[in-house]
Amino acid sequence: MPVTLVYIDHARWSADEHLRLDLQRIFEDAPVTRLPASGVEDFIEHHLARRQFFACAHFNEHLLAAVAINEADDRAWWLS
């Protein structure tokens, strides 16, 4: 089975409750220094509100990992 990347923007985040729970769980495992004090959901909402997005790695329908992506003016992607 391949690992697939799923594009998560604000519309998908709003429409998919299962995805919201999975993405929150992934980021809850991140080092505390990588997230704002306000919490995981605020971290995700902050990125999506700034027209950034997430890529989520799935294997056998299970979320394995996620990365927050910010596209710069020169079209380079900054990952966190």
PDB file of N, CA and C in Angstrom:
ATOM      1  N   MET A   1       0.825  -1.181   0.000  1.00  0.00           N
ATOM      2  CA  MET A   1       0.000   0.000   0.000  1.00  0.00           C
ATOM      3  C   MET A   1       0.874   1.251   0.000  1.00  0.00           C
ATOM      4  N   PRO A   2       0.551   2.215  -0.836  1.00  0.00           N
ATOM      5  CA  PRO A   2       1.344   3.446  -0.875  1.00  0.00           C
ATOM      6  C   PRO A   2       0.931   4.422   0.228  1.00  0.00           C
ATOM      7  N   VAL A   3       1.855   5.282   0.558  1.00  0.00           N
ATOM      8  CA  VAL A   3       1.535   6.417   1.426  1.00  0.00           C
ATOM      9  C   VAL A   3       1.070   7.528   0.497  1.00  0.00           C
ATOM     10  N   THR A   4      -0.052   8.135   0.810  1.00  0.00           N
ATOM     11  CA  THR A   4      -0.586   9.211  -0.017  1.00  0.00           C
ATOM     12  C   THR A   4      -0.594  10.512   0.777  1.00  0.00           C
ATOM     13  N   LEU A   5      -0.404  11.623   0.071  1.00  0.00           N
ATOM     14  CA  LEU A   5      -0.498  12.944   0.690  1.00  0.00           C
ATOM     15  C   LEU A   5      -1.847  13.544   0.359  1.00  0.00           C
ATOM     16  N   VAL A   6      -2.491  14.097   1.367  1.00  0.00           N
ATOM     17  CA  VAL A   6      -3.800  14.713   1.201  1.00  0.00           C
ATOM     18  C   VAL A   6      -3.660  16.195   1.499  1.00  0.00           C
ATOM     19  N   TYR A   7      -4.173  17.018   0.609  1.00  0.00           N
ATOM     20  CA  TYR A   7      -4.139  18.476   0.735  1.00  0.00           C
ATOM     21  C   TYR A   7      -5.285  18.917   1.638  1.00  0.00           C
ATOM     22  N   ILE A   8      -4.947  19.640   2.697  1.00  0.00           N
ATOM     23  CA  ILE A   8      -5.961  20.106   3.637  1.00  0.00           C
ATOM     24  C   ILE A   8      -5.970  21.630   3.650  1.00  0.00           C
ATOM     25  N   ASP A   9      -7.042  22.206   3.124  1.00  0.00           N
ATOM     26  CA  ASP A   9      -7.220  23.657   3.179  1.00  0.00           C
ATOM     27  C   ASP A   9      -8.372  23.957   4.133  1.00  0.00           C
ATOM     28  N   HIS A  10      -8.750  25.215   4.230  1.00  0.00           N
ATOM     29  CA  HIS A  10      -9.784  25.602   5.188  1.00  0.00           C
ATOM     30  C   HIS A  10     -11.122  24.924   4.882  1.00  0.00           C
ATOM     31  N   ALA A  11     -11.474  24.797   3.612  1.00  0.00           N
ATOM     32  CA  ALA A  11     -12.753  24.178   3.245  1.00  0.00           C
ATOM     33  C   ALA A  11     -12.799  22.712   3.687  1.00  0.00           C
ATOM     34  N   ARG A  12     -11.730  21.992   3.445  1.00  0.00           N
ATOM     35  CA  ARG A  12     -11.704  20.571   3.834  1.00  0.00           C
ATOM     36  C   ARG A  12     -11.702  20.429   5.349  1.00  0.00           C
ATOM     37  N   TRP A  13     -10.935  21.297   6.036  1.00  0.00           N
ATOM     38  CA  TRP A  13     -10.892  21.298   7.492  1.00  0.00           C
ATOM     39  C   TRP A  13     -12.302  21.499   8.060  1.00  0.00           C
ATOM     40  N   SER A  14     -13.052  22.424   7.489  1.00  0.00           N
ATOM     41  CA  SER A  14     -14.393  22.730   7.990  1.00  0.00           C
ATOM     42  C   SER A  14     -15.383  21.606   7.721  1.00  0.00           C
ATOM     43  N   ALA A  15     -15.196  20.871   6.629  1.00  0.00           N
ATOM     44  CA  ALA A  15     -16.178  19.886   6.193  1.00  0.00           C
ATOM     45  C   ALA A  15     -15.974  18.481   6.761  1.00  0.00           C
ATOM     46  N   ASP A  16     -14.798  18.174   7.291  1.00  0.00           N
ATOM     47  CA  ASP A  16     -14.480  16.784   7.641  1.00  0.00           C
ATOM     48  C   ASP A  16     -14.104  16.655   9.117  1.00  0.00           C
ATOM     49  N   GLU A  17     -15.060  16.249   9.936  1.00  0.00           N
ATOM     50  CA  GLU A  17     -14.826  16.136  11.380  1.00  0.00           C
ATOM     51  C   GLU A  17     -13.759  15.092  11.704  1.00  0.00           C
ATOM     52  N   HIS A  18     -13.780  13.965  11.006  1.00  0.00           N
ATOM     53  CA  HIS A  18     -12.783  12.912  11.241  1.00  0.00           C
ATOM     54  C   HIS A  18     -11.368  13.446  10.961  1.00  0.00           C
ATOM     55  N   LEU A  19     -11.232  14.176   9.903  1.00  0.00           N
ATOM     56  CA  LEU A  19      -9.949  14.774   9.559  1.00  0.00           C
ATOM     57  C   LEU A  19      -9.495  15.752  10.646  1.00  0.00           C
ATOM     58  N   ARG A  20     -10.421  16.577  11.135  1.00  0.00           N
ATOM     59  CA  ARG A  20     -10.076  17.525  12.207  1.00  0.00           C
ATOM     60  C   ARG A  20      -9.531  16.793  13.426  1.00  0.00           C
ATOM     61  N   LEU A  21     -10.189  15.721  13.825  1.00  0.00           N
ATOM     62  CA  LEU A  21      -9.725  14.958  14.993  1.00  0.00           C
ATOM     63  C   LEU A  21      -8.348  14.350  14.751  1.00  0.00           C
ATOM     64  N   ASP A  22      -8.154  13.750  13.565  1.00  0.00           N
ATOM     65  CA  ASP A  22      -6.848  13.145  13.242  1.00  0.00           C
ATOM     66  C   ASP A  22      -5.738  14.191  13.218  1.00  0.00           C
ATOM     67  N   LEU A  23      -5.993  15.316  12.580  1.00  0.00           N
ATOM     68  CA  LEU A  23      -4.967  16.356  12.468  1.00  0.00           C
ATOM     69  C   LEU A  23      -4.638  16.930  13.846  1.00  0.00           C
ATOM     70  N   GLN A  24      -5.637  17.104  14.679  1.00  0.00           N
ATOM     71  CA  GLN A  24      -5.389  17.583  16.034  1.00  0.00           C
ATOM     72  C   GLN A  24      -4.542  16.581  16.809  1.00  0.00           C
ATOM     73  N   ARG A  25      -4.816  15.301  16.660  1.00  0.00           N
ATOM     74  CA  ARG A  25      -4.032  14.273  17.364  1.00  0.00           C
ATOM     75  C   ARG A  25      -2.574  14.277  16.920  1.00  0.00           C
ATOM     76  N   ILE A  26      -2.352  14.427  15.630  1.00  0.00           N
ATOM     77  CA  ILE A  26      -0.978  14.468  15.121  1.00  0.00           C
ATOM     78  C   ILE A  26      -0.212  15.617  15.754  1.00  0.00           C
ATOM     79  N   PHE A  27      -0.802  16.808  15.757  1.00  0.00           N
ATOM     80  CA  PHE A  27      -0.098  17.974  16.273  1.00  0.00           C
ATOM     81  C   PHE A  27      -0.017  17.986  17.798  1.00  0.00           C
ATOM     82  N   GLU A  28      -0.894  17.251  18.485  1.00  0.00           N
ATOM     83  CA  GLU A  28      -0.775  17.123  19.937  1.00  0.00           C
ATOM     84  C   GLU A  28       0.507  16.394  20.319  1.00  0.00           C
ATOM     85  N   ASP A  29       1.030  15.580  19.411  1.00  0.00           N
ATOM     86  CA  ASP A  29       2.281  14.857  19.650  1.00  0.00           C
ATOM     87  C   ASP A  29       3.519  15.689  19.329  1.00  0.00           C
ATOM     88  N   ALA A  30       3.336  16.868  18.769  1.00  0.00           N
ATOM     89  CA  ALA A  30       4.475  17.727  18.418  1.00  0.00           C
ATOM     90  C   ALA A  30       5.118  18.290  19.678  1.00  0.00           C
ATOM     91  N   PRO A  31       6.411  18.629  19.605  1.00  0.00           N
ATOM     92  CA  PRO A  31       7.060  19.266  20.757  1.00  0.00           C
ATOM     93  C   PRO A  31       6.347  20.564  21.125  1.00  0.00           C
ATOM     94  N   VAL A  32       6.212  20.817  22.399  1.00  0.00           N
ATOM     95  CA  VAL A  32       5.510  21.995  22.894  1.00  0.00           C
ATOM     96  C   VAL A  32       6.105  23.282  22.328  1.00  0.00           C
ATOM     97  N   THR A  33       7.399  23.295  22.096  1.00  0.00           N
ATOM     98  CA  THR A  33       8.060  24.496  21.576  1.00  0.00           C
ATOM     99  C   THR A  33       7.656  24.816  20.147  1.00  0.00           C
ATOM    100  N   ARG A  34       7.053  23.875  19.449  1.00  0.00           N
ATOM    101  CA  ARG A  34       6.642  24.087  18.061  1.00  0.00           C
ATOM    102  C   ARG A  34       5.222  24.630  17.940  1.00  0.00           C
ATOM    103  N   LEU A  35       4.465  24.636  19.042  1.00  0.00           N
ATOM    104  CA  LEU A  35       3.070  25.055  19.001  1.00  0.00           C
ATOM    105  C   LEU A  35       2.855  26.271  19.887  1.00  0.00           C
ATOM    106  N   PRO A  36       1.866  27.102  19.547  1.00  0.00           N
ATOM    107  CA  PRO A  36       1.572  28.251  20.411  1.00  0.00           C
ATOM    108  C   PRO A  36       0.952  27.794  21.725  1.00  0.00           C
ATOM    109  N   ALA A  37       1.070  28.617  22.731  1.00  0.00           N
ATOM    110  CA  ALA A  37       0.520  28.288  24.047  1.00  0.00           C
ATOM    111  C   ALA A  37      -0.992  28.112  24.001  1.00  0.00           C
ATOM    112  N   SER A  38      -1.644  28.709  23.006  1.00  0.00           N
ATOM    113  CA  SER A  38      -3.102  28.648  22.916  1.00  0.00           C
ATOM    114  C   SER A  38      -3.622  27.274  22.526  1.00  0.00           C
ATOM    115  N   GLY A  39      -2.773  26.404  21.990  1.00  0.00           N
ATOM    116  CA  GLY A  39      -3.191  25.042  21.720  1.00  0.00           C
ATOM    117  C   GLY A  39      -3.162  24.638  20.265  1.00  0.00           C
ATOM    118  N   VAL A  40      -3.417  23.360  20.067  1.00  0.00           N
ATOM    119  CA  VAL A  40      -3.316  22.738  18.747  1.00  0.00           C
ATOM    120  C   VAL A  40      -4.345  23.301  17.771  1.00  0.00           C
ATOM    121  N   GLU A  41      -5.593  23.395  18.202  1.00  0.00           N
ATOM    122  CA  GLU A  41      -6.630  23.879  17.275  1.00  0.00           C
ATOM    123  C   GLU A  41      -6.342  25.309  16.834  1.00  0.00           C
ATOM    124  N   ASP A  42      -5.857  26.147  17.738  1.00  0.00           N
ATOM    125  CA  ASP A  42      -5.493  27.515  17.368  1.00  0.00           C
ATOM    126  C   ASP A  42      -4.329  27.533  16.382  1.00  0.00           C
ATOM    127  N   PHE A  43      -3.360  26.638  16.562  1.00  0.00           N
ATOM    128  CA  PHE A  43      -2.232  26.519  15.638  1.00  0.00           C
ATOM    129  C   PHE A  43      -2.741  26.200  14.225  1.00  0.00           C
ATOM    130  N   ILE A  44      -3.634  25.227  14.132  1.00  0.00           N
ATOM    131  CA  ILE A  44      -4.172  24.822  12.829  1.00  0.00           C
ATOM    132  C   ILE A  44      -5.006  25.948  12.221  1.00  0.00           C
ATOM    133  N   GLU A  45      -5.903  26.522  13.011  1.00  0.00           N
ATOM    134  CA  GLU A  45      -6.750  27.610  12.520  1.00  0.00           C
ATOM    135  C   GLU A  45      -5.914  28.804  12.055  1.00  0.00           C
ATOM    136  N   HIS A  46      -4.856  29.117  12.799  1.00  0.00           N
ATOM    137  CA  HIS A  46      -3.967  30.227  12.435  1.00  0.00           C
ATOM    138  C   HIS A  46      -3.366  29.996  11.049  1.00  0.00           C
ATOM    139  N   HIS A  47      -2.860  28.801  10.808  1.00  0.00           N
ATOM    140  CA  HIS A  47      -2.276  28.496   9.497  1.00  0.00           C
ATOM    141  C   HIS A  47      -3.319  28.564   8.391  1.00  0.00           C
ATOM    142  N   LEU A  48      -4.476  27.992   8.617  1.00  0.00           N
ATOM    143  CA  LEU A  48      -5.503  27.983   7.577  1.00  0.00           C
ATOM    144  C   LEU A  48      -6.056  29.380   7.313  1.00  0.00           C
ATOM    145  N   ALA A  49      -6.170  30.206   8.329  1.00  0.00           N
ATOM    146  CA  ALA A  49      -6.678  31.567   8.152  1.00  0.00           C
ATOM    147  C   ALA A  49      -5.720  32.418   7.320  1.00  0.00           C
ATOM    148  N   ARG A  50      -4.447  32.073   7.341  1.00  0.00           N
ATOM    149  CA  ARG A  50      -3.452  32.827   6.576  1.00  0.00           C
ATOM    150  C   ARG A  50      -3.273  32.231   5.172  1.00  0.00           C
ATOM    151  N   ARG A  51      -4.228  31.444   4.737  1.00  0.00           N
ATOM    152  CA  ARG A  51      -4.215  30.801   3.418  1.00  0.00           C
ATOM    153  C   ARG A  51      -3.025  29.867   3.240  1.00  0.00           C
ATOM    154  N   GLN A  52      -2.602  29.294   4.338  1.00  0.00           N
ATOM    155  CA  GLN A  52      -1.612  28.236   4.290  1.00  0.00           C
ATOM    156  C   GLN A  52      -2.383  26.923   4.271  1.00  0.00           C
ATOM    157  N   PHE A  53      -1.680  25.827   4.194  1.00  0.00           N
ATOM    158  CA  PHE A  53      -2.381  24.549   4.143  1.00  0.00           C
ATOM    159  C   PHE A  53      -1.545  23.478   4.808  1.00  0.00           C
ATOM    160  N   PHE A  54      -2.110  22.298   4.886  1.00  0.00           N
ATOM    161  CA  PHE A  54      -1.437  21.144   5.471  1.00  0.00           C
ATOM    162  C   PHE A  54      -1.386  20.033   4.437  1.00  0.00           C
ATOM    163  N   ALA A  55      -0.359  19.217   4.531  1.00  0.00           N
ATOM    164  CA  ALA A  55      -0.299  17.972   3.774  1.00  0.00           C
ATOM    165  C   ALA A  55      -0.287  16.859   4.815  1.00  0.00           C
ATOM    166  N   CYS A  56      -1.185  15.922   4.657  1.00  0.00           N
ATOM    167  CA  CYS A  56      -1.305  14.816   5.607  1.00  0.00           C
ATOM    168  C   CYS A  56      -0.965  13.511   4.908  1.00  0.00           C
ATOM    169  N   ALA A  57      -0.086  12.740   5.525  1.00  0.00           N
ATOM    170  CA  ALA A  57       0.316  11.450   4.972  1.00  0.00           C
ATOM    171  C   ALA A  57      -0.603  10.361   5.515  1.00  0.00           C
ATOM    172  N   HIS A  58      -1.213   9.623   4.594  1.00  0.00           N
ATOM    173  CA  HIS A  58      -2.117   8.525   4.959  1.00  0.00           C
ATOM    174  C   HIS A  58      -1.537   7.196   4.489  1.00  0.00           C
ATOM    175  N   PHE A  59      -1.747   6.176   5.299  1.00  0.00           N
ATOM    176  CA  PHE A  59      -1.392   4.803   4.938  1.00  0.00           C
ATOM    177  C   PHE A  59      -2.513   3.913   5.434  1.00  0.00           C
ATOM    178  N   ASN A  60      -3.104   3.139   4.535  1.00  0.00           N
ATOM    179  CA  ASN A  60      -4.236   2.271   4.896  1.00  0.00           C
ATOM    180  C   ASN A  60      -5.341   3.047   5.615  1.00  0.00           C
ATOM    181  N   GLU A  61      -5.657   4.213   5.099  1.00  0.00           N
ATOM    182  CA  GLU A  61      -6.732   5.057   5.634  1.00  0.00           C
ATOM    183  C   GLU A  61      -6.435   5.638   7.017  1.00  0.00           C
ATOM    184  N   HIS A  62      -5.200   5.533   7.486  1.00  0.00           N
ATOM    185  CA  HIS A  62      -4.817   6.083   8.777  1.00  0.00           C
ATOM    186  C   HIS A  62      -3.854   7.247   8.570  1.00  0.00           C
ATOM    187  N   LEU A  63      -4.070   8.319   9.311  1.00  0.00           N
ATOM    188  CA  LEU A  63      -3.188   9.476   9.241  1.00  0.00           C
ATOM    189  C   LEU A  63      -1.894   9.168   9.979  1.00  0.00           C
ATOM    190  N   LEU A  64      -0.773   9.288   9.277  1.00  0.00           N
ATOM    191  CA  LEU A  64       0.536   9.005   9.866  1.00  0.00           C
ATOM    192  C   LEU A  64       1.255  10.258  10.324  1.00  0.00           C
ATOM    193  N   ALA A  65       1.161  11.307   9.536  1.00  0.00           N
ATOM    194  CA  ALA A  65       1.920  12.523   9.808  1.00  0.00           C
ATOM    195  C   ALA A  65       1.263  13.686   9.093  1.00  0.00           C
ATOM    196  N   ALA A  66       1.641  14.889   9.540  1.00  0.00           N
ATOM    197  CA  ALA A  66       1.123  16.097   8.901  1.00  0.00           C
ATOM    198  C   ALA A  66       2.193  17.167   8.944  1.00  0.00           C
ATOM    199  N   VAL A  67       2.124  18.060   7.971  1.00  0.00           N
ATOM    200  CA  VAL A  67       3.055  19.175   7.917  1.00  0.00           C
ATOM    201  C   VAL A  67       2.274  20.430   7.540  1.00  0.00           C
ATOM    202  N   ALA A  68       2.581  21.530   8.228  1.00  0.00           N
ATOM    203  CA  ALA A  68       2.001  22.823   7.880  1.00  0.00           C
ATOM    204  C   ALA A  68       2.863  23.431   6.785  1.00  0.00           C
ATOM    205  N   ILE A  69       2.235  23.943   5.734  1.00  0.00           N
ATOM    206  CA  ILE A  69       2.961  24.452   4.572  1.00  0.00           C
ATOM    207  C   ILE A  69       2.571  25.898   4.307  1.00  0.00           C
ATOM    208  N   ASN A  70       3.592  26.716   4.126  1.00  0.00           N
ATOM    209  CA  ASN A  70       3.402  28.122   3.775  1.00  0.00           C
ATOM    210  C   ASN A  70       4.103  28.343   2.438  1.00  0.00           C
ATOM    211  N   GLU A  71       3.354  28.789   1.438  1.00  0.00           N
ATOM    212  CA  GLU A  71       3.949  29.043   0.126  1.00  0.00           C
ATOM    213  C   GLU A  71       4.424  30.491   0.079  1.00  0.00           C
ATOM    214  N   ALA A  72       5.713  30.685  -0.158  1.00  0.00           N
ATOM    215  CA  ALA A  72       6.311  32.017  -0.215  1.00  0.00           C
ATOM    216  C   ALA A  72       6.010  32.678  -1.561  1.00  0.00           C
ATOM    217  N   ASP A  73       6.312  33.971  -1.650  1.00  0.00           N
ATOM    218  CA  ASP A  73       6.069  34.718  -2.888  1.00  0.00           C
ATOM    219  C   ASP A  73       6.807  34.127  -4.086  1.00  0.00           C
ATOM    220  N   ASP A  74       7.981  33.527  -3.841  1.00  0.00           N
ATOM    221  CA  ASP A  74       8.751  32.926  -4.937  1.00  0.00           C
ATOM    222  C   ASP A  74       8.325  31.482  -5.224  1.00  0.00           C
ATOM    223  N   ARG A  75       7.189  31.069  -4.637  1.00  0.00           N
ATOM    224  CA  ARG A  75       6.574  29.746  -4.797  1.00  0.00           C
ATOM    225  C   ARG A  75       7.334  28.641  -4.076  1.00  0.00           C
ATOM    226  N   ALA A  76       8.325  28.997  -3.272  1.00  0.00           N
ATOM    227  CA  ALA A  76       8.996  28.008  -2.421  1.00  0.00           C
ATOM    228  C   ALA A  76       8.051  27.637  -1.288  1.00  0.00           C
ATOM    229  N   TRP A  77       8.109  26.402  -0.839  1.00  0.00           N
ATOM    230  CA  TRP A  77       7.276  25.950   0.273  1.00  0.00           C
ATOM    231  C   TRP A  77       8.110  25.873   1.533  1.00  0.00           C
ATOM    232  N   TRP A  78       7.606  26.482   2.606  1.00  0.00           N
ATOM    233  CA  TRP A  78       8.231  26.441   3.933  1.00  0.00           C
ATOM    234  C   TRP A  78       7.412  25.458   4.773  1.00  0.00           C
ATOM    235  N   LEU A  79       8.066  24.467   5.320  1.00  0.00           N
ATOM    236  CA  LEU A  79       7.398  23.414   6.057  1.00  0.00           C
ATOM    237  C   LEU A  79       7.644  23.548   7.554  1.00  0.00           C
ATOM    238  N   SER A  80       6.616  23.264   8.345  1.00  0.00           N
ATOM    239  CA  SER A  80       6.789  23.207   9.799  1.00  0.00           C
ATOM    240  C   SER A  80       5.948  22.086  10.365  1.00  0.00           C
TER     241      SER A  80
END
